[in-house]
Amino acid sequence: MKKLLLHICCAPCSASALKSLYDGISPQELSAAFYWYNPNIWDEDEYNKRKESAVRYARELNLDFFQENDFVYDYALWKEKSGEICANCYKLRLEKAAKFAKENGFDYFSTSLLSSPYQKRDTIKQVAQNLSGVYKIEFLERDFKKFFYEGKNELRQKGYYMQKYCACNKSFNQKSEKVKN
């Protein structure tokens, strides 16, 4: 059996990622574990809601849940001088996942970020493929978006937390601006 470490950003995206992963593949062929590292989530209350929801989902599925840290929101961690916040944020989180996967005997790593229609899929793939080469571990790429709304709706019906913005302060401010207009 192959082992996958799935970096997760939230429970709803994780649900669609798992549905996509096991679409045509049995759990006997591929074993998944969740990996939480999201210092980009603004603010601490939001971070805690998303993390608690992710832990709950892992328990419901009886999946291992690994985490790197507690809340450490630090905008400077991923903001590059060029202003390309998203690419640097993806790299920060996926590098931790790739390194953890390699050091802990996983065959693959991937990310639930590929589930969201709001994320920059091509940038995520490029960052992950580069890290795959650096850490010598395969990046498992799937189109997790095809089950995005199904996974999200399933967890909504079970009372899981549904976030209202991507994660960082920038996306929070963008969401706030849209609400004002």
N, C-alpha and C. Protein backbone atom coordinates (compact mmCIF):
# COMPACT_ATOMS: atom_id res chain seq x y z
N MET A 1 0.84 -1.18 0.00
CA MET A 1 0.00 0.00 0.00
C MET A 1 0.88 1.25 0.00
N LYS A 2 0.51 2.21 -0.82
CA LYS A 2 1.21 3.49 -0.90
C LYS A 2 0.64 4.45 0.14
N LYS A 3 1.52 5.33 0.64
CA LYS A 3 1.11 6.29 1.67
C LYS A 3 1.20 7.72 1.14
N LEU A 4 0.13 8.48 1.39
CA LEU A 4 0.05 9.87 0.95
C LEU A 4 -0.08 10.79 2.15
N LEU A 5 0.73 11.84 2.18
CA LEU A 5 0.57 12.90 3.16
C LEU A 5 -0.14 14.04 2.44
N LEU A 6 -1.34 14.36 2.90
CA LEU A 6 -2.15 15.40 2.28
C LEU A 6 -2.12 16.64 3.15
N HIS A 7 -1.42 17.68 2.66
CA HIS A 7 -1.47 18.97 3.35
C HIS A 7 -2.91 19.46 3.24
N ILE A 8 -3.49 19.85 4.39
CA ILE A 8 -4.87 20.32 4.35
C ILE A 8 -4.95 21.77 4.81
N CYS A 9 -5.79 22.51 4.13
CA CYS A 9 -6.01 23.91 4.47
C CYS A 9 -7.29 24.08 5.29
N CYS A 10 -8.23 23.14 5.14
CA CYS A 10 -9.50 23.19 5.85
C CYS A 10 -10.23 21.87 5.62
N ALA A 11 -11.24 21.62 6.43
CA ALA A 11 -12.01 20.38 6.28
C ALA A 11 -12.77 20.31 4.95
N PRO A 12 -13.48 21.38 4.52
CA PRO A 12 -14.23 21.27 3.26
C PRO A 12 -13.35 20.92 2.05
N CYS A 13 -12.20 21.55 1.93
CA CYS A 13 -11.32 21.22 0.80
C CYS A 13 -10.75 19.81 0.94
N SER A 14 -10.54 19.38 2.17
CA SER A 14 -10.04 18.02 2.41
C SER A 14 -11.06 16.98 1.95
N ALA A 15 -12.34 17.27 2.17
CA ALA A 15 -13.39 16.33 1.77
C ALA A 15 -13.38 16.11 0.27
N SER A 16 -13.28 17.19 -0.49
CA SER A 16 -13.28 17.03 -1.95
C SER A 16 -11.99 16.37 -2.43
N ALA A 17 -10.88 16.66 -1.76
CA ALA A 17 -9.61 16.01 -2.13
C ALA A 17 -9.69 14.51 -1.93
N LEU A 18 -10.23 14.08 -0.79
CA LEU A 18 -10.34 12.64 -0.53
C LEU A 18 -11.29 11.97 -1.50
N LYS A 19 -12.42 12.63 -1.80
CA LYS A 19 -13.35 12.05 -2.78
C LYS A 19 -12.65 11.86 -4.13
N SER A 20 -11.84 12.81 -4.52
CA SER A 20 -11.11 12.72 -5.79
C SER A 20 -10.04 11.64 -5.73
N LEU A 21 -9.33 11.57 -4.62
CA LEU A 21 -8.26 10.57 -4.48
C LEU A 21 -8.80 9.15 -4.57
N TYR A 22 -9.94 8.93 -3.94
CA TYR A 22 -10.49 7.57 -3.89
C TYR A 22 -11.50 7.29 -5.00
N ASP A 23 -11.60 8.20 -5.95
CA ASP A 23 -12.46 7.97 -7.11
C ASP A 23 -11.74 6.99 -8.04
N GLY A 24 -12.10 5.72 -7.95
CA GLY A 24 -11.47 4.70 -8.77
C GLY A 24 -10.28 4.01 -8.11
N ILE A 25 -9.94 4.42 -6.89
CA ILE A 25 -8.83 3.80 -6.15
C ILE A 25 -9.36 3.37 -4.79
N SER A 26 -9.03 2.19 -4.38
CA SER A 26 -9.52 1.72 -3.09
C SER A 26 -8.59 2.17 -1.96
N PRO A 27 -9.14 2.34 -0.75
CA PRO A 27 -8.30 2.68 0.41
C PRO A 27 -7.23 1.62 0.69
N GLN A 28 -7.38 0.42 0.14
CA GLN A 28 -6.35 -0.62 0.30
C GLN A 28 -5.13 -0.33 -0.57
N GLU A 29 -5.31 0.47 -1.61
CA GLU A 29 -4.21 0.82 -2.51
C GLU A 29 -3.47 2.07 -2.07
N LEU A 30 -4.20 2.98 -1.40
CA LEU A 30 -3.63 4.26 -1.02
C LEU A 30 -4.13 4.66 0.36
N SER A 31 -3.21 4.91 1.26
CA SER A 31 -3.54 5.33 2.61
C SER A 31 -3.19 6.80 2.76
N ALA A 32 -4.15 7.59 3.21
CA ALA A 32 -3.92 9.03 3.36
C ALA A 32 -3.82 9.42 4.83
N ALA A 33 -3.03 10.45 5.08
CA ALA A 33 -2.94 11.08 6.40
C ALA A 33 -2.99 12.59 6.17
N PHE A 34 -3.54 13.32 7.13
CA PHE A 34 -3.64 14.77 7.03
C PHE A 34 -2.43 15.44 7.67
N TYR A 35 -2.05 16.56 7.08
CA TYR A 35 -0.94 17.36 7.58
C TYR A 35 -1.37 18.82 7.66
N TRP A 36 -1.31 19.39 8.85
CA TRP A 36 -1.76 20.76 9.08
C TRP A 36 -0.56 21.68 9.31
N TYR A 37 -0.39 22.63 8.41
CA TYR A 37 0.58 23.71 8.60
C TYR A 37 0.04 24.90 7.82
N ASN A 38 -0.52 25.88 8.53
CA ASN A 38 -1.19 27.01 7.90
C ASN A 38 -0.98 28.30 8.69
N PRO A 39 0.26 28.79 8.77
CA PRO A 39 0.50 30.02 9.52
C PRO A 39 -0.05 31.26 8.83
N ASN A 40 -0.62 31.08 7.65
CA ASN A 40 -1.17 32.17 6.87
C ASN A 40 -2.57 32.58 7.30
N ILE A 41 -3.25 31.76 8.09
CA ILE A 41 -4.65 32.02 8.42
C ILE A 41 -4.77 33.22 9.37
N TRP A 42 -5.57 34.17 8.93
CA TRP A 42 -5.83 35.38 9.70
C TRP A 42 -7.24 35.31 10.23
N ASP A 43 -7.51 35.49 11.39
CA ASP A 43 -6.79 35.76 12.61
C ASP A 43 -6.78 34.52 13.49
N GLU A 44 -6.43 34.64 14.74
CA GLU A 44 -6.30 33.47 15.60
C GLU A 44 -7.62 32.73 15.77
N ASP A 45 -8.72 33.44 15.88
CA ASP A 45 -10.03 32.81 16.02
C ASP A 45 -10.36 31.99 14.78
N GLU A 46 -10.10 32.56 13.61
CA GLU A 46 -10.34 31.85 12.34
C GLU A 46 -9.45 30.60 12.25
N TYR A 47 -8.18 30.78 12.61
CA TYR A 47 -7.23 29.67 12.62
C TYR A 47 -7.76 28.52 13.47
N ASN A 48 -8.20 28.84 14.68
CA ASN A 48 -8.68 27.80 15.60
C ASN A 48 -9.93 27.11 15.08
N LYS A 49 -10.85 27.86 14.50
CA LYS A 49 -12.07 27.25 13.94
C LYS A 49 -11.72 26.26 12.82
N ARG A 50 -10.82 26.67 11.92
CA ARG A 50 -10.45 25.80 10.80
C ARG A 50 -9.69 24.56 11.28
N LYS A 51 -8.80 24.77 12.23
CA LYS A 51 -8.02 23.64 12.74
C LYS A 51 -8.92 22.64 13.48
N GLU A 52 -9.80 23.14 14.35
CA GLU A 52 -10.72 22.25 15.08
C GLU A 52 -11.58 21.45 14.12
N SER A 53 -12.04 22.09 13.06
CA SER A 53 -12.86 21.41 12.06
C SER A 53 -12.05 20.34 11.33
N ALA A 54 -10.80 20.64 11.01
CA ALA A 54 -9.93 19.68 10.33
C ALA A 54 -9.62 18.48 11.23
N VAL A 55 -9.35 18.74 12.49
CA VAL A 55 -9.10 17.65 13.45
C VAL A 55 -10.34 16.77 13.58
N ARG A 56 -11.50 17.40 13.69
CA ARG A 56 -12.76 16.66 13.78
C ARG A 56 -12.97 15.75 12.57
N TYR A 57 -12.67 16.29 11.37
CA TYR A 57 -12.85 15.51 10.15
C TYR A 57 -11.88 14.33 10.11
N ALA A 58 -10.65 14.56 10.51
CA ALA A 58 -9.66 13.46 10.55
C ALA A 58 -10.14 12.36 11.50
N ARG A 59 -10.65 12.76 12.65
CA ARG A 59 -11.17 11.76 13.62
C ARG A 59 -12.35 10.99 13.05
N GLU A 60 -13.25 11.72 12.38
CA GLU A 60 -14.43 11.07 11.78
C GLU A 60 -14.00 9.99 10.78
N LEU A 61 -12.94 10.26 10.05
CA LEU A 61 -12.46 9.33 9.03
C LEU A 61 -11.41 8.34 9.56
N ASN A 62 -11.02 8.52 10.81
CA ASN A 62 -9.98 7.69 11.42
C ASN A 62 -8.65 7.80 10.67
N LEU A 63 -8.30 9.05 10.31
CA LEU A 63 -7.04 9.33 9.63
C LEU A 63 -6.05 9.95 10.61
N ASP A 64 -4.77 9.67 10.40
CA ASP A 64 -3.74 10.33 11.19
C ASP A 64 -3.75 11.82 10.87
N PHE A 65 -3.51 12.63 11.90
CA PHE A 65 -3.47 14.08 11.77
C PHE A 65 -2.16 14.57 12.33
N PHE A 66 -1.30 15.08 11.47
CA PHE A 66 -0.01 15.61 11.89
C PHE A 66 -0.07 17.13 11.81
N GLN A 67 0.61 17.79 12.73
CA GLN A 67 0.64 19.25 12.70
C GLN A 67 2.03 19.76 13.06
N GLU A 68 2.33 20.92 12.54
CA GLU A 68 3.64 21.52 12.77
C GLU A 68 3.67 22.49 13.92
N ASN A 69 2.60 23.22 14.11
CA ASN A 69 2.65 24.33 15.06
C ASN A 69 1.27 24.72 15.52
N ASP A 70 1.24 25.59 16.49
CA ASP A 70 -0.01 26.25 16.86
C ASP A 70 -0.04 27.58 16.13
N PHE A 71 -1.01 28.39 16.42
CA PHE A 71 -1.20 29.64 15.71
C PHE A 71 0.05 30.52 15.77
N VAL A 72 0.56 30.89 14.61
CA VAL A 72 1.74 31.76 14.53
C VAL A 72 1.60 32.75 13.37
N TYR A 73 0.43 33.33 13.19
CA TYR A 73 0.21 34.21 12.05
C TYR A 73 1.34 35.23 11.94
N ASP A 74 1.98 35.24 10.80
CA ASP A 74 3.08 36.18 10.55
C ASP A 74 3.10 36.49 9.06
N TYR A 75 2.54 37.62 8.71
CA TYR A 75 2.44 38.04 7.32
C TYR A 75 3.80 38.06 6.62
N ALA A 76 4.83 38.41 7.35
CA ALA A 76 6.18 38.48 6.77
C ALA A 76 6.73 37.12 6.39
N LEU A 77 6.18 36.04 6.93
CA LEU A 77 6.67 34.70 6.60
C LEU A 77 6.57 34.40 5.10
N TRP A 78 5.57 34.90 4.44
CA TRP A 78 5.39 34.54 3.04
C TRP A 78 5.31 35.72 2.07
N LYS A 79 5.34 36.95 2.57
CA LYS A 79 5.26 38.09 1.66
C LYS A 79 6.62 38.39 1.05
N GLU A 80 6.71 38.23 -0.24
CA GLU A 80 7.96 38.52 -0.96
C GLU A 80 7.99 39.99 -1.34
N LYS A 81 9.20 40.51 -1.56
CA LYS A 81 9.35 41.90 -1.98
C LYS A 81 8.63 42.18 -3.29
N SER A 82 8.51 41.16 -4.12
CA SER A 82 7.84 41.33 -5.41
C SER A 82 6.33 41.45 -5.24
N GLY A 83 5.83 41.11 -4.07
CA GLY A 83 4.40 41.20 -3.81
C GLY A 83 3.64 39.94 -4.17
N GLU A 84 4.29 38.89 -4.63
CA GLU A 84 3.61 37.64 -4.98
C GLU A 84 3.38 36.82 -3.71
N ILE A 85 2.38 37.21 -2.99
CA ILE A 85 2.10 36.61 -1.69
C ILE A 85 1.68 35.14 -1.84
N CYS A 86 0.80 34.85 -2.76
CA CYS A 86 0.26 33.48 -2.87
C CYS A 86 1.36 32.45 -3.15
N ALA A 87 2.23 32.72 -4.12
CA ALA A 87 3.28 31.74 -4.45
C ALA A 87 4.19 31.47 -3.26
N ASN A 88 4.55 32.50 -2.55
CA ASN A 88 5.43 32.33 -1.40
C ASN A 88 4.70 31.58 -0.28
N CYS A 89 3.42 31.86 -0.11
CA CYS A 89 2.62 31.17 0.90
C CYS A 89 2.50 29.68 0.56
N TYR A 90 2.23 29.36 -0.69
CA TYR A 90 2.17 27.96 -1.11
C TYR A 90 3.51 27.27 -0.83
N LYS A 91 4.60 27.94 -1.19
CA LYS A 91 5.92 27.34 -0.99
C LYS A 91 6.20 27.09 0.48
N LEU A 92 5.89 28.05 1.32
CA LEU A 92 6.12 27.91 2.75
C LEU A 92 5.42 26.66 3.30
N ARG A 93 4.16 26.50 2.97
CA ARG A 93 3.37 25.39 3.51
C ARG A 93 3.71 24.06 2.85
N LEU A 94 3.84 24.05 1.54
CA LEU A 94 4.11 22.80 0.85
C LEU A 94 5.53 22.29 1.09
N GLU A 95 6.46 23.20 1.34
CA GLU A 95 7.81 22.74 1.66
C GLU A 95 7.83 21.98 2.97
N LYS A 96 7.09 22.48 3.95
CA LYS A 96 6.99 21.75 5.22
C LYS A 96 6.38 20.36 5.00
N ALA A 97 5.35 20.31 4.17
CA ALA A 97 4.67 19.04 3.90
C ALA A 97 5.58 18.06 3.17
N ALA A 98 6.27 18.53 2.14
CA ALA A 98 7.16 17.66 1.37
C ALA A 98 8.28 17.11 2.26
N LYS A 99 8.86 17.97 3.05
CA LYS A 99 9.95 17.56 3.94
C LYS A 99 9.45 16.55 4.98
N PHE A 100 8.30 16.82 5.58
CA PHE A 100 7.72 15.91 6.56
C PHE A 100 7.41 14.56 5.92
N ALA A 101 6.83 14.59 4.73
CA ALA A 101 6.48 13.35 4.03
C ALA A 101 7.73 12.51 3.77
N LYS A 102 8.77 13.14 3.27
CA LYS A 102 10.02 12.43 2.98
C LYS A 102 10.63 11.83 4.25
N GLU A 103 10.68 12.63 5.31
CA GLU A 103 11.30 12.19 6.56
C GLU A 103 10.50 11.13 7.30
N ASN A 104 9.23 10.97 6.95
CA ASN A 104 8.37 10.04 7.68
C ASN A 104 7.84 8.88 6.83
N GLY A 105 8.52 8.60 5.73
CA GLY A 105 8.24 7.38 4.97
C GLY A 105 7.00 7.39 4.09
N PHE A 106 6.53 8.56 3.73
CA PHE A 106 5.39 8.62 2.81
C PHE A 106 5.91 8.47 1.38
N ASP A 107 5.04 7.95 0.51
CA ASP A 107 5.39 7.78 -0.90
C ASP A 107 5.09 9.03 -1.72
N TYR A 108 4.08 9.79 -1.28
CA TYR A 108 3.61 10.96 -1.99
C TYR A 108 3.27 12.07 -1.01
N PHE A 109 3.19 13.29 -1.56
CA PHE A 109 2.56 14.39 -0.84
C PHE A 109 1.66 15.10 -1.82
N SER A 110 0.65 15.76 -1.28
CA SER A 110 -0.25 16.57 -2.10
C SER A 110 -0.87 17.62 -1.19
N THR A 111 -1.83 18.36 -1.71
CA THR A 111 -2.46 19.42 -0.93
C THR A 111 -3.92 19.59 -1.29
N SER A 112 -4.73 19.84 -0.28
CA SER A 112 -6.14 20.11 -0.51
C SER A 112 -6.36 21.48 -1.14
N LEU A 113 -5.31 22.30 -1.21
CA LEU A 113 -5.42 23.59 -1.90
C LEU A 113 -5.86 23.39 -3.35
N LEU A 114 -5.56 22.24 -3.92
CA LEU A 114 -5.96 21.95 -5.30
C LEU A 114 -7.47 21.75 -5.43
N SER A 115 -8.18 21.70 -4.31
CA SER A 115 -9.63 21.54 -4.34
C SER A 115 -10.37 22.82 -4.64
N SER A 116 -9.84 23.91 -4.15
CA SER A 116 -10.56 25.18 -4.21
C SER A 116 -10.49 25.85 -5.57
N PRO A 117 -11.63 26.27 -6.09
CA PRO A 117 -11.62 27.02 -7.35
C PRO A 117 -11.05 28.43 -7.16
N TYR A 118 -10.80 28.83 -5.93
CA TYR A 118 -10.29 30.17 -5.63
C TYR A 118 -8.77 30.22 -5.55
N GLN A 119 -8.12 29.08 -5.57
CA GLN A 119 -6.65 29.03 -5.47
C GLN A 119 -6.03 29.06 -6.87
N LYS A 120 -4.75 29.36 -6.92
CA LYS A 120 -4.00 29.45 -8.18
C LYS A 120 -3.38 28.08 -8.48
N ARG A 121 -4.16 27.25 -9.16
CA ARG A 121 -3.78 25.86 -9.41
C ARG A 121 -2.42 25.71 -10.10
N ASP A 122 -2.18 26.48 -11.14
CA ASP A 122 -0.90 26.36 -11.86
C ASP A 122 0.28 26.73 -10.97
N THR A 123 0.11 27.72 -10.15
CA THR A 123 1.19 28.13 -9.23
C THR A 123 1.42 27.03 -8.20
N ILE A 124 0.36 26.46 -7.67
CA ILE A 124 0.48 25.37 -6.69
C ILE A 124 1.23 24.20 -7.31
N LYS A 125 0.84 23.81 -8.51
CA LYS A 125 1.49 22.69 -9.19
C LYS A 125 2.98 22.96 -9.42
N GLN A 126 3.30 24.16 -9.86
CA GLN A 126 4.70 24.50 -10.13
C GLN A 126 5.53 24.45 -8.84
N VAL A 127 5.01 25.04 -7.79
CA VAL A 127 5.71 25.04 -6.50
C VAL A 127 5.89 23.61 -6.01
N ALA A 128 4.84 22.81 -6.05
CA ALA A 128 4.90 21.43 -5.56
C ALA A 128 5.85 20.57 -6.39
N GLN A 129 5.84 20.73 -7.69
CA GLN A 129 6.74 19.95 -8.54
C GLN A 129 8.20 20.31 -8.27
N ASN A 130 8.48 21.59 -8.04
CA ASN A 130 9.84 22.00 -7.67
C ASN A 130 10.26 21.35 -6.35
N LEU A 131 9.37 21.37 -5.38
CA LEU A 131 9.68 20.78 -4.07
C LEU A 131 9.83 19.26 -4.17
N SER A 132 9.08 18.66 -5.07
CA SER A 132 9.20 17.22 -5.31
C SER A 132 10.63 16.87 -5.70
N GLY A 133 11.21 17.69 -6.57
CA GLY A 133 12.58 17.47 -7.00
C GLY A 133 13.59 17.71 -5.88
N VAL A 134 13.36 18.73 -5.10
CA VAL A 134 14.26 19.06 -3.99
C VAL A 134 14.27 17.96 -2.94
N TYR A 135 13.10 17.49 -2.55
CA TYR A 135 12.98 16.51 -1.46
C TYR A 135 12.92 15.06 -1.93
N LYS A 136 12.93 14.86 -3.23
CA LYS A 136 12.94 13.51 -3.81
C LYS A 136 11.74 12.68 -3.33
N ILE A 137 10.57 13.31 -3.42
CA ILE A 137 9.32 12.62 -3.09
C ILE A 137 8.29 13.06 -4.13
N GLU A 138 7.48 12.12 -4.56
CA GLU A 138 6.54 12.40 -5.64
C GLU A 138 5.38 13.26 -5.17
N PHE A 139 5.07 14.25 -5.98
CA PHE A 139 3.89 15.09 -5.76
C PHE A 139 2.72 14.43 -6.49
N LEU A 140 1.68 14.07 -5.75
CA LEU A 140 0.51 13.43 -6.34
C LEU A 140 -0.47 14.52 -6.75
N GLU A 141 -0.61 14.69 -8.05
CA GLU A 141 -1.50 15.71 -8.57
C GLU A 141 -2.79 15.09 -9.06
N ARG A 142 -3.89 15.66 -8.61
CA ARG A 142 -5.21 15.25 -9.07
C ARG A 142 -6.05 16.52 -9.21
N ASP A 143 -7.09 16.45 -10.00
CA ASP A 143 -8.03 17.56 -10.11
C ASP A 143 -9.06 17.41 -9.00
N PHE A 144 -8.73 17.93 -7.84
CA PHE A 144 -9.61 17.81 -6.67
C PHE A 144 -10.85 18.70 -6.78
N LYS A 145 -10.84 19.65 -7.72
CA LYS A 145 -11.96 20.59 -7.84
C LYS A 145 -13.28 19.92 -8.23
N LYS A 146 -13.21 18.79 -8.90
CA LYS A 146 -14.45 18.21 -9.43
C LYS A 146 -15.43 17.82 -8.32
N PHE A 147 -14.96 17.62 -7.10
CA PHE A 147 -15.85 17.28 -5.99
C PHE A 147 -15.93 18.41 -4.96
N PHE A 148 -15.49 19.63 -5.33
CA PHE A 148 -15.43 20.74 -4.37
C PHE A 148 -16.78 21.00 -3.71
N TYR A 149 -17.81 21.23 -4.50
CA TYR A 149 -19.11 21.59 -3.93
C TYR A 149 -19.77 20.40 -3.24
N GLU A 150 -19.56 19.22 -3.76
CA GLU A 150 -20.11 18.01 -3.13
C GLU A 150 -19.50 17.81 -1.74
N GLY A 151 -18.19 17.90 -1.64
CA GLY A 151 -17.51 17.74 -0.35
C GLY A 151 -17.90 18.83 0.63
N LYS A 152 -17.94 20.06 0.14
CA LYS A 152 -18.30 21.20 0.98
C LYS A 152 -19.73 21.05 1.51
N ASN A 153 -20.66 20.69 0.63
CA ASN A 153 -22.06 20.54 1.04
C ASN A 153 -22.24 19.39 2.03
N GLU A 154 -21.51 18.31 1.82
CA GLU A 154 -21.58 17.17 2.74
C GLU A 154 -21.16 17.59 4.16
N LEU A 155 -20.08 18.33 4.25
CA LEU A 155 -19.61 18.76 5.57
C LEU A 155 -20.50 19.84 6.16
N ARG A 156 -21.06 20.70 5.33
CA ARG A 156 -22.00 21.72 5.81
C ARG A 156 -23.20 21.03 6.49
N GLN A 157 -23.72 19.97 5.87
CA GLN A 157 -24.85 19.24 6.44
C GLN A 157 -24.51 18.59 7.78
N LYS A 158 -23.24 18.29 7.99
CA LYS A 158 -22.79 17.69 9.26
C LYS A 158 -22.40 18.74 10.30
N GLY A 159 -22.54 20.02 9.95
CA GLY A 159 -22.28 21.09 10.89
C GLY A 159 -20.83 21.53 11.00
N TYR A 160 -20.02 21.23 9.99
CA TYR A 160 -18.63 21.66 10.00
C TYR A 160 -18.54 23.16 9.73
N TYR A 161 -17.48 23.76 10.20
CA TYR A 161 -17.24 25.18 9.99
C TYR A 161 -16.95 25.44 8.51
N MET A 162 -17.58 26.47 7.97
CA MET A 162 -17.37 26.89 6.58
C MET A 162 -16.80 28.31 6.60
N GLN A 163 -15.56 28.45 6.19
CA GLN A 163 -14.92 29.76 6.20
C GLN A 163 -15.48 30.65 5.11
N LYS A 164 -15.29 31.95 5.29
CA LYS A 164 -15.85 32.94 4.36
C LYS A 164 -14.80 33.60 3.48
N TYR A 165 -13.53 33.26 3.67
CA TYR A 165 -12.46 33.84 2.86
C TYR A 165 -11.31 32.86 2.79
N CYS A 166 -10.39 33.11 1.85
CA CYS A 166 -9.29 32.20 1.57
C CYS A 166 -8.51 31.86 2.84
N ALA A 167 -7.86 32.82 3.45
CA ALA A 167 -7.16 32.56 4.70
C ALA A 167 -6.38 33.75 5.22
N CYS A 168 -5.61 34.39 4.37
CA CYS A 168 -4.69 35.42 4.87
C CYS A 168 -5.38 36.77 5.05
N ASN A 169 -4.66 37.69 5.65
CA ASN A 169 -5.15 39.04 5.88
C ASN A 169 -5.55 39.71 4.57
N LYS A 170 -4.78 39.48 3.51
CA LYS A 170 -5.09 40.06 2.21
C LYS A 170 -6.45 39.59 1.71
N SER A 171 -6.72 38.29 1.79
CA SER A 171 -8.01 37.77 1.31
C SER A 171 -9.14 38.21 2.23
N PHE A 172 -8.86 38.33 3.53
CA PHE A 172 -9.86 38.83 4.47
C PHE A 172 -10.25 40.25 4.10
N ASN A 173 -9.26 41.08 3.83
CA ASN A 173 -9.53 42.48 3.45
C ASN A 173 -10.27 42.57 2.12
N GLN A 174 -9.93 41.70 1.17
CA GLN A 174 -10.63 41.69 -0.11
C GLN A 174 -12.10 41.31 0.08
N LYS A 175 -12.35 40.33 0.92
CA LYS A 175 -13.72 39.90 1.21
C LYS A 175 -14.49 41.03 1.89
N SER A 176 -13.84 41.72 2.82
CA SER A 176 -14.48 42.84 3.54
C SER A 176 -14.84 43.97 2.58
N GLU A 177 -13.97 44.24 1.60
CA GLU A 177 -14.23 45.28 0.61
C GLU A 177 -15.44 44.93 -0.26
N LYS A 178 -15.55 43.67 -0.63
CA LYS A 178 -16.69 43.23 -1.46
C LYS A 178 -17.99 43.37 -0.70
N VAL A 179 -17.97 43.09 0.59
CA VAL A 179 -19.16 43.18 1.41
C VAL A 179 -19.60 44.63 1.54
N LYS A 180 -18.66 45.56 1.64
CA LYS A 180 -18.97 46.99 1.77
C LYS A 180 -19.63 47.53 0.51
N ASN A 181 -19.21 47.02 -0.64
CA ASN A 181 -19.73 47.56 -1.92
C ASN A 181 -21.04 46.98 -2.33
